[in-house]
Amino acid sequence: MNYINELREGENISEVYLCKTKSTATTKAGKSYYSLMLQDKSGSIDGKVWELNNAIDHFEAMDYIRVDAQVTSFNNTLQLNIKRIRKADEGEFEPRDYLPCSDKDIDTMYKELIGIVESVKDEHLNKLLKMFFVDDESFIKKFKNHSAAKSIHHGFIGGLLEHSLSVARICIYIADNYPAVKRDLLVSAALLHDIGKVDEISNFPENDYTDEGQLIGHIVMGAMMVSEKIKTIEGFPPVLANELKHCILSHHGELEFGSPKKPGLIEALALAHADNLDAKLETFTELINANKGKKEWLGYNRMFDSNVRITSD
């Protein structure tokens, strides 16, 4: 594949890219043309279609398109002078080549998650977890490939899985070191706390908030999903059900951060801190990766409410 960051001026290419944006503009001579922003996992590049003729098939923004083009330079920036376009056929492209993706193996992470599910001894919680993570193929597919956010942290394919697994690991450590914490409740809540995001945020390549996500939000949506499954499990203790839902509903820790409830159980408190810790450490990690080699202060960061810098060597 001709990745965008490897293109060189003068090359002629025939390649599939994700059309991130498409707009129609007019030259000074009054001639219409398309201005595109094309993307793959290595970056993005501006594309121009100067001749709107039969070689340019119909396509829209967010389509995967095959382009025949020459790599040119304008104001010292590479762009594509596109001669032909058609929508790419199924099997011509692998979405992970065009979108940000976890650098960890998704199947390996999911195998570890299932191991954690198996470690939950409470029969009702174990059954509930398996209804999501073992039995529901549609949910599993979405969960494994979803982001954990539109932006901020884990905003990539596999991000929701990576974040949920990281939070579960932290919660296992907490449960192993604080005897007052009920391990099965905390670990179950950790695995389930963000499941509402599979419907709050649309699939890639859009990765944007859905109407339901805007109106209800993943915290309440996740609690509702759990509640519906619990109704189908005979003998599920009502108190345990409410404790689990409380952990999910309070996992942002504060009302001003979107939680309908503040933590009222030790497990809920532990989950809120584990979730916050992983989110902030991942955000800082992404900041470091985006500024490799920089030794100066990076400026004020809103999430940390502080001027930040990468640790010196």
Protein backbone atom coordinates (compact mmCIF):
# COMPACT_ATOMS: atom_id res chain seq x y z
CA MET A 1 0.00 0.00 0.00
CA ASN A 2 1.14 3.56 -0.77
CA TYR A 3 0.79 5.15 2.67
CA ILE A 4 0.35 8.91 2.62
CA ASN A 5 3.46 9.60 4.69
CA GLU A 6 5.56 7.72 2.12
CA LEU A 7 4.34 9.57 -0.99
CA ARG A 8 6.89 11.51 -3.02
CA GLU A 9 6.43 14.35 -5.49
CA GLY A 10 6.14 13.16 -9.09
CA GLU A 11 4.79 9.69 -8.28
CA ASN A 12 1.76 8.30 -10.11
CA ILE A 13 -0.39 6.19 -7.82
CA SER A 14 -3.52 4.04 -7.87
CA GLU A 15 -4.60 3.54 -4.28
CA VAL A 16 -7.58 3.35 -1.92
CA TYR A 17 -7.96 6.10 0.68
CA LEU A 18 -10.69 7.21 3.04
CA CYS A 19 -12.33 10.39 1.79
CA LYS A 20 -12.60 12.33 5.03
CA THR A 21 -14.10 15.49 3.50
CA LYS A 22 -15.44 16.53 0.10
CA SER A 23 -16.36 20.02 -1.05
CA THR A 24 -17.09 21.68 -4.38
CA ALA A 25 -15.27 24.90 -5.19
CA THR A 26 -14.88 27.21 -8.18
CA THR A 27 -11.72 28.41 -9.92
CA LYS A 28 -11.15 32.06 -10.79
CA ALA A 29 -12.27 31.15 -14.29
CA GLY A 30 -15.61 29.90 -12.93
CA LYS A 31 -14.88 26.18 -13.38
CA SER A 32 -16.09 23.76 -10.69
CA TYR A 33 -13.72 21.30 -9.03
CA TYR A 34 -13.63 18.97 -6.00
CA SER A 35 -11.42 19.57 -3.00
CA LEU A 36 -10.89 16.43 -0.92
CA MET A 37 -9.13 15.47 2.28
CA LEU A 38 -7.90 11.88 2.00
CA GLN A 39 -6.73 9.83 4.97
CA ASP A 40 -5.00 6.63 5.97
CA LYS A 41 -3.49 5.61 9.30
CA SER A 42 -0.23 7.41 8.48
CA GLY A 43 -1.78 10.83 7.91
CA SER A 44 -3.85 12.89 5.51
CA ILE A 45 -3.35 14.70 2.20
CA ASP A 46 -5.26 17.29 0.19
CA GLY A 47 -6.64 16.09 -3.15
CA LYS A 48 -7.92 18.09 -6.09
CA VAL A 49 -10.17 16.90 -8.93
CA TRP A 50 -9.83 19.57 -11.59
CA GLU A 51 -11.71 17.75 -14.35
CA LEU A 52 -15.23 16.61 -13.38
CA ASN A 53 -15.80 14.09 -16.16
CA ASN A 54 -16.92 10.47 -16.66
CA ALA A 55 -13.73 9.21 -15.00
CA ILE A 56 -15.01 10.58 -11.70
CA ASP A 57 -17.69 8.24 -10.33
CA HIS A 58 -20.17 9.32 -7.68
CA PHE A 59 -18.87 9.23 -4.10
CA GLU A 60 -19.42 11.03 -0.82
CA ALA A 61 -17.38 12.02 2.21
CA MET A 62 -16.56 9.03 4.48
CA ASP A 63 -16.46 6.66 1.49
CA TYR A 64 -13.42 4.54 0.73
CA ILE A 65 -12.39 5.53 -2.80
CA ARG A 66 -9.79 4.30 -5.28
CA VAL A 67 -7.98 7.22 -6.85
CA ASP A 68 -5.60 7.40 -9.82
CA ALA A 69 -3.52 10.48 -9.22
CA GLN A 70 -0.19 12.22 -9.49
CA VAL A 71 1.59 13.47 -6.39
CA THR A 72 2.28 17.18 -6.81
CA SER A 73 3.44 20.01 -4.56
CA PHE A 74 1.67 23.28 -3.77
CA ASN A 75 3.18 25.82 -1.37
CA ASN A 76 5.74 23.19 -0.35
CA THR A 77 2.97 20.78 0.67
CA LEU A 78 2.20 17.55 -1.16
CA GLN A 79 -1.24 17.08 -2.68
CA LEU A 80 -2.87 14.73 -5.18
CA ASN A 81 -3.91 15.77 -8.66
CA ILE A 82 -6.66 13.18 -9.15
CA LYS A 83 -7.60 11.89 -12.61
CA ARG A 84 -9.95 8.97 -11.79
CA ILE A 85 -12.14 8.04 -8.82
CA ARG A 86 -14.44 5.14 -8.02
CA LYS A 87 -15.83 3.81 -4.76
CA ALA A 88 -13.69 0.95 -3.48
CA ASP A 89 -15.20 -2.53 -3.53
CA GLU A 90 -15.61 -4.73 -0.46
CA GLY A 91 -12.34 -6.56 0.12
CA GLU A 92 -10.22 -3.90 -1.56
CA PHE A 93 -9.35 -2.28 1.73
CA GLU A 94 -8.83 -3.07 5.41
CA PRO A 95 -10.33 -0.31 7.62
CA ARG A 96 -7.47 -0.61 10.10
CA ASP A 97 -5.12 0.70 7.40
CA TYR A 98 -7.04 3.98 7.34
CA LEU A 99 -7.97 4.63 10.94
CA PRO A 100 -6.16 5.00 14.26
CA CYS A 101 -5.86 1.60 15.92
CA SER A 102 -4.61 0.23 19.23
CA ASP A 103 -0.96 -0.78 19.09
CA LYS A 104 -1.91 -3.85 21.13
CA ASP A 105 -3.29 -7.03 19.58
CA ILE A 106 -7.09 -6.95 19.89
CA ASP A 107 -7.59 -10.71 20.04
CA THR A 108 -4.90 -11.08 22.72
CA MET A 109 -6.55 -8.36 24.81
CA TYR A 110 -9.96 -9.96 24.41
CA LYS A 111 -8.59 -13.33 25.48
CA GLU A 112 -7.28 -11.70 28.67
CA LEU A 113 -10.66 -10.06 29.25
CA ILE A 114 -12.40 -13.44 28.97
CA GLY A 115 -9.92 -14.80 31.51
CA ILE A 116 -11.01 -12.07 33.90
CA VAL A 117 -14.66 -12.95 33.26
CA GLU A 118 -13.89 -16.57 34.16
CA SER A 119 -12.28 -15.40 37.42
CA VAL A 120 -15.58 -13.93 38.66
CA LYS A 121 -16.96 -16.54 41.06
CA ASP A 122 -20.38 -15.08 41.81
CA GLU A 123 -22.71 -17.11 39.61
CA HIS A 124 -25.06 -14.24 38.79
CA LEU A 125 -22.34 -11.77 37.89
CA ASN A 126 -20.50 -14.44 35.91
CA LYS A 127 -23.61 -15.23 33.92
CA LEU A 128 -24.27 -11.54 33.28
CA LEU A 129 -20.73 -10.97 32.01
CA LYS A 130 -20.91 -13.99 29.72
CA MET A 131 -24.20 -12.75 28.26
CA PHE A 132 -22.29 -9.71 27.00
CA PHE A 133 -18.76 -10.91 26.36
CA VAL A 134 -19.30 -14.56 25.32
CA ASP A 135 -22.83 -15.02 23.99
CA ASP A 136 -23.68 -11.74 22.23
CA GLU A 137 -21.76 -11.85 18.92
CA SER A 138 -23.08 -8.49 17.72
CA PHE A 139 -22.04 -6.76 20.94
CA ILE A 140 -18.62 -8.48 20.94
CA LYS A 141 -17.85 -7.30 17.41
CA LYS A 142 -18.72 -3.72 18.27
CA PHE A 143 -16.94 -3.80 21.63
CA LYS A 144 -13.68 -5.14 20.17
CA ASN A 145 -13.52 -2.54 17.39
CA HIS A 146 -14.96 0.52 19.12
CA SER A 147 -13.19 3.58 20.43
CA ALA A 148 -13.56 4.68 24.04
CA ALA A 149 -14.09 8.30 23.03
CA LYS A 150 -14.51 10.66 20.11
CA SER A 151 -11.36 12.37 21.35
CA ILE A 152 -9.42 12.83 24.63
CA HIS A 153 -8.32 9.23 25.29
CA HIS A 154 -8.46 5.82 23.57
CA GLY A 155 -10.09 7.37 20.50
CA PHE A 156 -9.02 4.54 18.21
CA ILE A 157 -10.10 1.08 17.03
CA GLY A 158 -9.79 -1.24 20.02
CA GLY A 159 -9.75 1.71 22.40
CA LEU A 160 -12.85 0.67 24.32
CA LEU A 161 -11.48 -2.84 24.84
CA GLU A 162 -8.03 -1.54 25.81
CA HIS A 163 -9.46 0.97 28.31
CA SER A 164 -11.93 -1.50 29.86
CA LEU A 165 -9.18 -4.09 30.26
CA SER A 166 -6.80 -1.55 31.83
CA VAL A 167 -9.45 -0.41 34.30
CA ALA A 168 -10.20 -4.04 35.19
CA ARG A 169 -6.50 -4.69 35.84
CA ILE A 170 -6.30 -1.69 38.18
CA CYS A 171 -9.46 -2.84 39.96
CA ILE A 172 -8.05 -6.33 40.45
CA TYR A 173 -5.00 -4.76 42.11
CA ILE A 174 -7.27 -2.68 44.36
CA ALA A 175 -9.40 -5.68 45.32
CA ASP A 176 -6.28 -7.74 46.10
CA ASN A 177 -4.96 -5.04 48.43
CA TYR A 178 -8.11 -3.77 50.15
CA PRO A 179 -10.07 -6.62 51.80
CA ALA A 180 -13.17 -4.45 52.30
CA VAL A 181 -13.66 -4.36 48.51
CA LYS A 182 -15.87 -7.06 47.00
CA ARG A 183 -13.71 -8.26 44.12
CA ASP A 184 -16.44 -9.78 41.95
CA LEU A 185 -18.61 -6.67 42.13
CA LEU A 186 -15.74 -4.30 41.39
CA VAL A 187 -14.28 -6.34 38.53
CA SER A 188 -17.69 -6.84 36.94
CA ALA A 189 -18.38 -3.13 37.16
CA ALA A 190 -14.97 -2.40 35.61
CA LEU A 191 -15.68 -4.60 32.60
CA LEU A 192 -19.17 -3.18 32.14
CA HIS A 193 -18.71 0.47 33.07
CA ASP A 194 -18.34 1.81 29.50
CA ILE A 195 -20.41 -0.67 27.47
CA GLY A 196 -22.90 2.08 26.66
CA LYS A 197 -20.26 3.61 24.40
CA VAL A 198 -20.94 0.99 21.70
CA ASP A 199 -24.18 2.91 21.05
CA GLU A 200 -23.22 6.38 22.32
CA ILE A 201 -20.51 6.72 19.65
CA SER A 202 -20.97 5.65 16.02
CA ASN A 203 -18.72 3.10 14.35
CA PHE A 204 -15.58 4.09 12.48
CA PRO A 205 -14.92 5.88 10.25
CA GLU A 206 -17.40 8.45 11.66
CA ASN A 207 -16.61 7.86 15.36
CA ASP A 208 -19.03 10.62 16.36
CA TYR A 209 -21.83 10.92 18.90
CA THR A 210 -25.16 9.37 17.94
CA ASP A 211 -28.51 11.00 18.69
CA GLU A 212 -29.02 8.53 21.52
CA GLY A 213 -25.55 9.28 22.82
CA GLN A 214 -26.20 13.02 22.79
CA LEU A 215 -29.59 12.70 24.47
CA ILE A 216 -28.89 10.02 27.07
CA GLY A 217 -25.14 9.38 27.34
CA HIS A 218 -23.12 6.20 27.80
CA ILE A 219 -23.38 6.08 31.60
CA VAL A 220 -27.16 5.80 31.67
CA MET A 221 -27.19 3.75 28.46
CA GLY A 222 -24.79 1.23 30.00
CA ALA A 223 -26.87 0.94 33.17
CA MET A 224 -29.95 0.36 31.02
CA MET A 225 -28.18 -2.38 29.03
CA VAL A 226 -27.14 -4.13 32.23
CA SER A 227 -30.63 -3.80 33.69
CA GLU A 228 -32.21 -5.43 30.62
CA LYS A 229 -29.86 -8.43 30.81
CA ILE A 230 -30.37 -8.83 34.55
CA LYS A 231 -34.13 -9.14 34.01
CA THR A 232 -33.47 -12.36 32.08
CA ILE A 233 -31.32 -13.98 34.80
CA GLU A 234 -33.45 -15.96 37.21
CA GLY A 235 -32.77 -15.25 40.87
CA PHE A 236 -30.41 -12.32 40.33
CA PRO A 237 -30.29 -10.64 43.78
CA PRO A 238 -31.96 -7.20 43.63
CA VAL A 239 -29.45 -5.67 46.04
CA LEU A 240 -26.51 -6.89 43.96
CA ALA A 241 -28.19 -5.57 40.81
CA ASN A 242 -28.57 -2.12 42.35
CA GLU A 243 -25.00 -2.12 43.64
CA LEU A 244 -23.67 -2.96 40.19
CA LYS A 245 -25.79 -0.31 38.49
CA HIS A 246 -24.73 2.22 41.13
CA CYS A 247 -21.06 1.57 40.28
CA ILE A 248 -21.77 2.18 36.60
CA LEU A 249 -23.89 5.28 37.23
CA SER A 250 -21.26 6.87 39.48
CA HIS A 251 -18.08 5.93 37.63
CA HIS A 252 -17.24 9.50 36.57
CA GLY A 253 -17.02 10.33 40.24
CA GLU A 254 -18.63 13.76 40.29
CA LEU A 255 -21.98 15.16 39.17
CA GLU A 256 -20.23 17.86 37.14
CA PHE A 257 -18.37 15.17 35.20
CA GLY A 258 -21.59 13.54 34.05
CA SER A 259 -22.29 10.96 36.75
CA PRO A 260 -25.97 10.84 37.78
CA LYS A 261 -24.77 9.71 41.22
CA LYS A 262 -21.63 10.22 43.29
CA PRO A 263 -19.94 7.03 44.57
CA GLY A 264 -21.69 5.67 47.65
CA LEU A 265 -19.99 2.27 47.80
CA ILE A 266 -16.30 1.48 48.25
CA GLU A 267 -16.41 -0.45 44.96
CA ALA A 268 -17.93 2.55 43.19
CA LEU A 269 -15.23 4.82 44.60
CA ALA A 270 -12.50 2.41 43.49
CA LEU A 271 -13.97 2.17 39.98
CA ALA A 272 -14.24 5.95 39.60
CA HIS A 273 -10.58 6.41 40.53
CA ALA A 274 -9.42 3.51 38.34
CA ASP A 275 -11.34 4.89 35.36
CA ASN A 276 -9.98 8.39 35.90
CA LEU A 277 -6.40 7.13 36.36
CA ASP A 278 -6.36 5.11 33.14
CA ALA A 279 -8.01 7.88 31.13
CA LYS A 280 -5.52 10.50 32.30
CA LEU A 281 -2.43 8.32 31.93
CA GLU A 282 -3.48 7.33 28.40
CA THR A 283 -4.11 10.99 27.53
CA PHE A 284 -0.63 11.91 28.75
CA THR A 285 0.86 8.94 26.89
CA GLU A 286 -0.77 10.10 23.64
CA LEU A 287 0.55 13.60 24.34
CA ILE A 288 4.08 12.22 24.76
CA ASN A 289 3.83 10.16 21.56
CA ALA A 290 2.66 13.21 19.60
CA ASN A 291 5.58 15.31 20.87
CA LYS A 292 8.51 12.90 20.76
CA GLY A 293 11.86 14.64 20.84
CA LYS A 294 10.50 17.84 22.36
CA LYS A 295 12.24 18.89 25.56
CA GLU A 296 10.47 22.19 26.13
CA TRP A 297 7.25 22.70 28.05
CA LEU A 298 4.23 21.78 25.93
CA GLY A 299 1.92 24.43 27.32
CA TYR A 300 -1.32 24.38 29.28
CA ASN A 301 -3.40 21.21 29.05
CA ARG A 302 -7.09 21.56 29.94
CA MET A 303 -7.52 17.98 31.14
CA PHE A 304 -4.66 18.28 33.63
CA ASP A 305 -5.25 21.96 34.40
CA SER A 306 -1.50 22.44 34.23
CA ASN A 307 1.42 23.34 32.02
CA VAL A 308 2.97 19.98 31.08
CA ARG A 309 6.35 18.64 29.95
CA ILE A 310 7.78 15.29 28.92
CA THR A 311 10.10 13.79 31.54
CA SER A 312 13.78 14.40 30.77
CA ASP A 313 16.04 11.50 29.71
